[in-house]
């Protein structure tokens, strides 16, 4: 390269200017060649922001010929939103995977219940025959389940004890001693002809029909007639019964100071050799409104229950518990009127005799 001297003549200025322009152009090309990578796909470089570069004062370029790169904020936001959506979707998939793993580890209650029901042992069906056999006898011998099967096989209705208890016994009521109690006794026959009676069972219920006392009594004499078809008493029931003196004492303590309800209850007191104040006795057989309603001078307990309570009792062997409950239910239905009549009867002032006695004393 030849050494350039400063121009002296006017014509030399234009030639020097051209030489300078050629020199600058050659240096620029060399710089671009060195900065360009061999493989542009391997390394990404950020494009320079040409819009912010200062123009070289020595180079005059046409603004329209210079390429410019416009920033794309819309594209950046779209990419950012797509990345966020992808992250949310990944998180949701991860949560579903964790929940599914937990469900597989801990099965639901329904699955447990089904598994438990599946594992329960199946009760084998008992093949029994009950031709011409009373279901009540089968129930007494084999239990209530056998009696229920017998009734179903014979086409008989279910036992009505539960339905009867709903009428005679108050559900979820107090089960202890109350001020009013009802008593009934079952008896067996003794003597040569079995006409004389001794007590075989004593049952007492409270005001709500709950049984508070029920005992079989050991016979004090040889039994000649158990009267099973009516009394429901069998040899095995009283063979291991309680001693009569014990039962008598326990019943006496229960009745003391209480109102006693019963049906022909004077017979029950007599068989126990007990006494009770007449003022504290409520006998359903002697209650006049009941007599008038059923049109009978000495109505049976069965008749009173059928006409007044609209239930049937004593359809077979009697139960002293059920009879006591029936008497108590009859009393509680009429309690208000019954007690008002008793109060009026015993609190009535007898003016006539008192006046007569006072006159006699004054004249004497």
Protein backbone atom coordinates (compact mmCIF):
# COMPACT_ATOMS: atom_id res chain seq x y z
CA UNK A 1 0.00 0.00 0.00
CA UNK A 2 1.35 3.43 -0.99
CA UNK A 3 1.64 6.20 1.53
CA UNK A 4 -1.09 8.81 1.16
CA UNK A 5 -0.26 12.45 1.59
CA UNK A 6 -2.69 15.16 2.45
CA UNK A 7 -4.31 16.66 -0.63
CA UNK A 8 -3.15 20.04 -1.76
CA UNK A 9 -5.07 20.57 -4.90
CA UNK A 10 -8.86 20.71 -5.13
CA UNK A 11 -9.04 17.81 -7.57
CA UNK A 12 -7.10 15.62 -5.12
CA UNK A 13 -9.82 15.90 -2.51
CA UNK A 14 -12.29 13.82 -4.54
CA UNK A 15 -9.75 11.09 -5.26
CA UNK A 16 -8.78 10.85 -1.59
CA UNK A 17 -12.41 10.63 -0.58
CA UNK A 18 -12.94 7.71 -2.96
CA UNK A 19 -9.86 5.94 -1.61
CA UNK A 20 -11.10 6.34 1.98
CA UNK A 21 -14.49 4.93 1.10
CA UNK A 22 -12.88 1.86 -0.52
CA UNK A 23 -10.66 1.33 2.52
CA UNK A 24 -13.59 1.48 4.96
CA UNK A 25 -15.64 -0.90 2.85
CA UNK A 26 -12.84 -3.48 2.72
CA UNK A 27 -12.35 -3.37 6.54
CA UNK A 28 -16.08 -3.81 7.17
CA UNK A 29 -16.23 -6.93 4.98
CA UNK A 30 -13.31 -8.48 6.81
CA UNK A 31 -14.96 -7.85 10.21
CA UNK A 32 -18.26 -9.44 9.12
CA UNK A 33 -16.49 -12.52 7.80
CA UNK A 34 -14.66 -13.10 11.08
CA UNK A 35 -17.78 -12.63 13.27
CA UNK A 36 -20.01 -15.01 11.25
CA UNK A 37 -19.99 -18.59 12.76
CA UNK A 38 -19.30 -21.58 10.60
CA UNK A 39 -22.53 -23.38 11.68
CA UNK A 40 -25.23 -20.83 12.53
CA UNK A 41 -27.63 -23.58 13.65
CA UNK A 42 -25.46 -24.70 16.61
CA UNK A 43 -25.27 -21.35 18.35
CA UNK A 44 -28.03 -18.83 18.51
CA UNK A 45 -27.06 -15.17 18.71
CA UNK A 46 -29.26 -12.27 19.50
CA UNK A 47 -29.74 -9.90 16.64
CA UNK A 48 -28.45 -6.43 17.37
CA UNK A 49 -31.01 -3.81 17.89
CA UNK A 50 -30.24 -1.80 14.83
CA UNK A 51 -32.85 0.69 15.58
CA UNK A 52 -30.80 1.90 18.58
CA UNK A 53 -27.37 2.04 16.76
CA UNK A 54 -25.90 5.39 15.90
CA UNK A 55 -25.25 6.01 12.23
CA UNK A 56 -21.60 6.32 11.23
CA UNK A 57 -21.05 9.96 10.34
CA UNK A 58 -18.55 9.00 7.71
CA UNK A 59 -20.89 6.59 5.93
CA UNK A 60 -23.90 7.87 4.13
CA UNK A 61 -26.41 5.15 3.69
CA UNK A 62 -29.93 5.12 2.39
CA UNK A 63 -32.30 4.52 5.36
CA UNK A 64 -34.55 2.45 3.17
CA UNK A 65 -31.69 0.09 2.29
CA UNK A 66 -30.76 -0.68 5.92
CA UNK A 67 -32.60 -3.80 7.19
CA UNK A 68 -34.40 -3.32 10.50
CA UNK A 69 -35.74 -5.94 12.91
CA UNK A 70 -38.95 -5.04 14.70
CA UNK A 71 -39.50 -6.37 18.24
CA UNK A 72 -42.47 -8.68 18.58
CA UNK A 73 -44.03 -8.28 22.06
CA UNK A 74 -47.12 -10.19 20.90
CA UNK A 75 -45.06 -13.25 20.00
CA UNK A 76 -43.27 -13.15 23.37
CA UNK A 77 -46.57 -13.07 25.31
CA UNK A 78 -47.96 -15.94 23.23
CA UNK A 79 -44.92 -18.08 23.95
CA UNK A 80 -45.04 -17.20 27.62
CA UNK A 81 -48.75 -18.07 27.86
CA UNK A 82 -48.18 -21.37 26.03
CA UNK A 83 -45.41 -22.22 28.49
CA UNK A 84 -47.66 -21.42 31.45
CA UNK A 85 -50.49 -23.55 30.02
CA UNK A 86 -48.08 -26.41 29.51
CA UNK A 87 -46.90 -26.11 33.14
CA UNK A 88 -50.49 -26.09 34.47
CA UNK A 89 -51.39 -29.13 32.39
CA UNK A 90 -48.31 -30.94 33.72
CA UNK A 91 -49.29 -30.10 37.31
CA UNK A 92 -52.84 -31.37 36.76
CA UNK A 93 -51.58 -34.61 35.28
CA UNK A 94 -49.26 -35.03 38.25
CA UNK A 95 -52.13 -34.47 40.72
CA UNK A 96 -54.31 -37.00 38.93
CA UNK A 97 -51.49 -39.51 39.02
CA UNK A 98 -51.01 -39.00 42.79
CA UNK A 99 -54.76 -39.27 43.50
CA UNK A 100 -55.02 -42.42 41.44
CA UNK A 101 -52.11 -43.93 43.36
CA UNK A 102 -53.80 -43.09 46.69
CA UNK A 103 -57.10 -44.62 45.56
CA UNK A 104 -55.33 -47.81 44.58
CA UNK A 105 -53.55 -47.96 47.96
CA UNK A 106 -56.67 -47.17 50.06
CA UNK A 107 -59.87 -48.67 48.64
CA UNK A 108 -63.14 -46.84 49.33
CA UNK A 109 -65.64 -47.71 52.06
CA UNK A 110 -67.97 -49.22 49.46
CA UNK A 111 -65.25 -51.62 48.37
CA UNK A 112 -64.57 -52.53 51.99
CA UNK A 113 -68.26 -53.05 52.65
CA UNK A 114 -68.63 -55.24 49.58
CA UNK A 115 -65.56 -57.21 50.53
CA UNK A 116 -66.88 -57.67 54.07
CA UNK A 117 -70.27 -58.77 52.82
CA UNK A 118 -68.60 -61.16 50.43
CA UNK A 119 -66.50 -62.66 53.20
CA UNK A 120 -69.46 -63.18 55.57
CA UNK A 121 -70.27 -66.82 56.11
CA UNK A 122 -73.57 -67.88 54.62
CA UNK A 123 -75.90 -69.47 57.15
CA UNK A 124 -76.91 -72.86 55.86
CA UNK A 125 -80.62 -73.27 55.28
CA UNK A 126 -82.05 -75.89 57.60
CA UNK A 127 -84.28 -78.39 55.89
CA UNK A 128 -87.05 -79.10 58.40
CA UNK A 129 -90.54 -80.53 58.10
CA UNK A 130 -93.40 -79.25 60.27
CA UNK A 131 -96.47 -81.14 59.10
CA UNK A 132 -99.32 -80.88 61.63
CA UNK A 133 -97.00 -79.38 64.28
CA UNK A 134 -97.98 -76.25 66.18
CA UNK A 135 -95.41 -73.46 65.41
CA UNK A 136 -95.69 -72.29 69.03
CA UNK A 137 -94.53 -75.73 70.21
CA UNK A 138 -91.66 -75.63 67.74
CA UNK A 139 -90.70 -72.17 68.98
CA UNK A 140 -90.74 -73.34 72.58
CA UNK A 141 -88.55 -76.33 71.74
CA UNK A 142 -86.16 -74.96 69.07
CA UNK A 143 -86.34 -71.20 69.46
CA UNK A 144 -88.07 -68.24 67.76
CA UNK A 145 -86.25 -68.64 64.44
CA UNK A 146 -87.53 -72.20 64.04
CA UNK A 147 -91.05 -71.05 64.93
CA UNK A 148 -90.87 -68.32 62.29
CA UNK A 149 -89.75 -70.82 59.63
CA UNK A 150 -92.57 -73.16 60.61
CA UNK A 151 -95.19 -70.42 60.26
CA UNK A 152 -93.84 -69.43 56.86
CA UNK A 153 -93.83 -73.02 55.59
CA UNK A 154 -97.39 -73.59 56.84
CA UNK A 155 -98.60 -70.31 55.35
CA UNK A 156 -99.49 -68.88 58.76
CA UNK A 157 -99.14 -65.18 59.66
CA UNK A 158 -96.24 -63.97 61.77
CA UNK A 159 -96.54 -64.13 65.52
CA UNK A 160 -98.54 -61.16 66.80
CA UNK A 161 -96.67 -60.77 70.07
CA UNK A 162 -94.71 -57.77 68.84
CA UNK A 163 -97.84 -56.00 67.56
CA UNK A 164 -99.61 -56.72 70.84
CA UNK A 165 -96.68 -55.40 72.85
CA UNK A 166 -96.87 -52.13 70.94
CA UNK A 167 -100.37 -51.64 72.35
CA UNK A 168 -99.87 -52.97 75.87
CA UNK A 169 -96.34 -51.67 76.53
CA UNK A 170 -95.11 -48.11 76.15
CA UNK A 171 -91.96 -47.98 74.07
CA UNK A 172 -88.80 -46.45 75.57
CA UNK A 173 -90.47 -45.90 78.92
CA UNK A 174 -89.18 -46.16 82.49
CA UNK A 175 -88.50 -49.79 83.41
CA UNK A 176 -88.36 -49.52 87.21
CA UNK A 177 -90.94 -49.44 89.97
CA UNK A 178 -93.74 -46.91 89.66
CA UNK A 179 -96.43 -45.75 92.10
CA UNK A 180 -98.93 -47.99 90.32
CA UNK A 181 -98.25 -51.67 89.51
CA UNK A 182 -100.31 -54.50 88.04
CA UNK A 183 -100.09 -58.13 89.14
CA UNK A 184 -101.29 -61.46 87.78
CA UNK A 185 -100.72 -65.06 88.91
CA UNK A 186 -100.90 -68.44 87.18
CA UNK A 187 -102.10 -71.41 89.24
CA UNK A 188 -101.99 -75.20 89.11
CA UNK A 189 -104.34 -77.79 90.63
CA UNK A 190 -103.62 -79.92 93.68
CA UNK A 191 -105.64 -82.49 95.59
CA UNK A 192 -107.31 -85.66 94.38
CA UNK A 193 -109.36 -83.99 91.68
CA UNK A 194 -107.04 -81.01 91.05
CA UNK A 195 -109.71 -78.46 91.88
CA UNK A 196 -107.76 -76.76 94.65
CA UNK A 197 -105.22 -74.22 93.49
CA UNK A 198 -101.70 -73.13 94.46
CA UNK A 199 -99.62 -70.39 92.89
CA UNK A 200 -97.16 -71.41 90.17
CA UNK A 201 -96.08 -68.07 88.67
CA UNK A 202 -96.25 -64.42 89.74
CA UNK A 203 -95.74 -61.48 87.36
CA UNK A 204 -95.77 -57.75 88.11
CA UNK A 205 -95.50 -54.87 85.61
CA UNK A 206 -95.11 -51.14 86.15
CA UNK A 207 -97.39 -48.35 84.97
CA UNK A 208 -95.92 -48.48 81.44
CA UNK A 209 -96.31 -52.24 81.05
CA UNK A 210 -92.65 -53.01 81.67
CA UNK A 211 -92.17 -56.29 83.53
CA UNK A 212 -90.43 -55.71 86.86
CA UNK A 213 -91.02 -59.10 88.49
CA UNK A 214 -91.63 -62.56 87.03
CA UNK A 215 -90.91 -65.78 88.92
CA UNK A 216 -92.05 -69.40 88.93
CA UNK A 217 -92.92 -70.78 92.34
CA UNK A 218 -91.89 -74.19 93.61
CA UNK A 219 -95.05 -76.15 94.55
CA UNK A 220 -95.73 -76.73 98.22
CA UNK A 221 -97.93 -79.75 97.41
CA UNK A 222 -98.01 -82.47 94.79
CA UNK A 223 -99.46 -81.08 91.58
CA UNK A 224 -102.27 -83.18 90.13
CA UNK A 225 -103.28 -80.84 87.30
CA UNK A 226 -100.91 -78.39 85.63
CA UNK A 227 -103.76 -76.84 83.61
CA UNK A 228 -101.22 -76.23 80.85
CA UNK A 229 -103.78 -75.40 78.17
CA UNK A 230 -104.83 -72.37 80.26
CA UNK A 231 -101.99 -71.67 82.69
CA UNK A 232 -99.10 -72.43 80.33
CA UNK A 233 -97.33 -74.10 83.27
CA UNK A 234 -95.32 -77.29 82.79
CA UNK A 235 -93.51 -79.57 85.17
CA UNK A 236 -90.11 -78.19 84.22
CA UNK A 237 -91.17 -74.60 84.88
CA UNK A 238 -91.91 -75.03 88.59
CA UNK A 239 -89.51 -77.87 89.36
CA UNK A 240 -86.68 -75.35 89.83
CA UNK A 241 -88.92 -72.48 90.90
CA UNK A 242 -88.39 -70.06 93.80
CA UNK A 243 -89.52 -70.98 97.29
CA UNK A 244 -93.03 -69.75 98.09
CA UNK A 245 -91.98 -67.83 101.23
CA UNK A 246 -89.35 -65.91 99.27
CA UNK A 247 -91.80 -64.95 96.53
CA UNK A 248 -94.44 -63.96 99.07
CA UNK A 249 -92.03 -61.65 100.88
CA UNK A 250 -90.68 -60.05 97.69
CA UNK A 251 -94.17 -59.40 96.32
CA UNK A 252 -95.34 -57.94 99.64
CA UNK A 253 -92.44 -55.46 99.62
CA UNK A 254 -93.23 -54.39 96.05
CA UNK A 255 -96.94 -53.81 96.73
CA UNK A 256 -96.40 -51.88 99.96
CA UNK A 257 -97.64 -48.28 99.61
CA UNK A 258 -98.57 -48.67 95.94
CA UNK A 259 -101.77 -48.81 93.90
CA UNK A 260 -102.44 -52.39 92.79
CA UNK A 261 -104.12 -53.04 89.44
CA UNK A 262 -105.41 -56.43 88.32
CA UNK A 263 -108.31 -58.44 86.96
CA UNK A 264 -110.14 -60.24 89.78
CA UNK A 265 -107.03 -59.37 91.74
CA UNK A 266 -108.57 -60.58 95.01
CA UNK A 267 -107.89 -64.14 93.77
CA UNK A 268 -104.19 -63.34 93.27
CA UNK A 269 -103.89 -61.84 96.76
CA UNK A 270 -105.69 -64.82 98.26
CA UNK A 271 -103.40 -67.39 96.61
CA UNK A 272 -100.36 -65.51 97.98
CA UNK A 273 -101.90 -65.13 101.43
CA UNK A 274 -101.50 -61.37 101.19
CA UNK A 275 -103.74 -58.43 101.96
CA UNK A 276 -103.87 -54.95 100.44
CA UNK A 277 -105.86 -51.81 101.34
CA UNK A 278 -109.15 -51.72 99.47
CA UNK A 279 -108.63 -48.02 98.76
CA UNK A 280 -105.44 -48.88 96.80
CA UNK A 281 -106.94 -51.62 94.61
CA UNK A 282 -108.07 -51.05 90.99
CA UNK A 283 -109.89 -54.17 89.76
CA UNK A 284 -110.80 -54.11 86.05
CA UNK A 285 -113.45 -56.78 86.57
CA UNK A 286 -115.34 -54.67 89.12
CA UNK A 287 -115.06 -51.27 87.43
CA UNK A 288 -118.68 -50.28 86.65
CA UNK A 289 -118.03 -48.24 83.45
CA UNK A 290 -116.33 -51.31 81.95
CA UNK A 291 -119.23 -53.53 82.96
CA UNK A 292 -121.72 -51.19 81.31
CA UNK A 293 -119.69 -50.89 78.12
CA UNK A 294 -119.37 -54.66 77.55
CA UNK A 295 -122.80 -55.38 79.11
CA UNK A 296 -121.56 -57.99 81.55
CA UNK A 297 -121.72 -58.24 85.35
CA UNK A 298 -118.42 -60.15 85.56
CA UNK A 299 -116.56 -59.50 82.31
CA UNK A 300 -113.47 -61.56 81.48
CA UNK A 301 -110.15 -59.91 80.72
CA UNK A 302 -110.33 -61.34 77.20
CA UNK A 303 -113.71 -59.67 76.61
CA UNK A 304 -112.57 -56.30 77.96
CA UNK A 305 -109.47 -56.29 75.76
CA UNK A 306 -111.45 -57.23 72.68
CA UNK A 307 -114.20 -54.62 73.19
CA UNK A 308 -112.20 -51.74 74.69
CA UNK A 309 -108.58 -52.19 73.57
CA UNK A 310 -109.54 -53.92 70.30
CA UNK A 311 -106.85 -56.56 70.78
CA UNK A 312 -107.03 -60.29 71.38
CA UNK A 313 -105.36 -61.86 74.42
CA UNK A 314 -105.53 -65.34 75.94
CA UNK A 315 -106.00 -66.95 72.52
CA UNK A 316 -104.01 -69.95 73.71
CA UNK A 317 -101.99 -70.60 76.83
CA UNK A 318 -102.19 -67.68 79.23
CA UNK A 319 -99.22 -65.52 80.18
CA UNK A 320 -99.32 -63.81 83.55
CA UNK A 321 -97.06 -61.05 82.20
CA UNK A 322 -99.39 -60.31 79.31
CA UNK A 323 -102.49 -60.44 81.50
CA UNK A 324 -100.93 -57.94 83.93
CA UNK A 325 -100.01 -55.67 81.01
CA UNK A 326 -103.57 -55.85 79.65
CA UNK A 327 -105.07 -54.94 83.03
CA UNK A 328 -102.67 -52.02 83.38
CA UNK A 329 -103.48 -50.73 79.89
CA UNK A 330 -107.20 -50.82 80.66
CA UNK A 331 -106.56 -48.85 83.84
CA UNK A 332 -104.33 -46.19 82.24
CA UNK A 333 -106.95 -45.57 79.54
CA UNK A 334 -109.54 -44.76 82.20
CA UNK A 335 -107.14 -43.52 84.90
CA UNK A 336 -108.36 -39.92 85.05
CA UNK A 337 -112.02 -40.79 85.50
CA UNK A 338 -111.26 -43.79 87.69
CA UNK A 339 -109.13 -41.80 90.14
CA UNK A 340 -111.68 -38.97 90.24
CA UNK A 341 -114.36 -41.45 91.28
CA UNK A 342 -112.13 -43.00 93.97
CA UNK A 343 -111.29 -39.57 95.34
CA UNK A 344 -114.94 -38.55 95.48
CA UNK A 345 -115.90 -41.82 97.12
CA UNK A 346 -113.39 -41.78 99.96
CA UNK A 347 -113.31 -38.03 100.55
CA UNK A 348 -117.10 -37.69 100.70
CA UNK A 349 -118.26 -35.98 103.91
CA UNK A 350 -121.01 -37.88 105.69
CA UNK A 351 -122.91 -35.00 107.22
CA UNK A 352 -125.99 -36.94 108.42
CA UNK A 353 -124.36 -39.35 110.92
CA UNK A 354 -122.13 -36.64 112.36
CA UNK A 355 -125.07 -34.40 113.05
CA UNK A 356 -126.95 -37.29 114.66
CA UNK A 357 -124.01 -38.10 116.93
CA UNK A 358 -123.55 -34.48 117.90
CA UNK A 359 -127.24 -34.22 118.82
CA UNK A 360 -127.09 -37.36 120.94
CA UNK A 361 -124.02 -36.12 122.77
CA UNK A 362 -125.59 -32.76 123.46
CA UNK A 363 -128.81 -34.25 124.83
CA UNK A 364 -126.99 -36.85 126.90
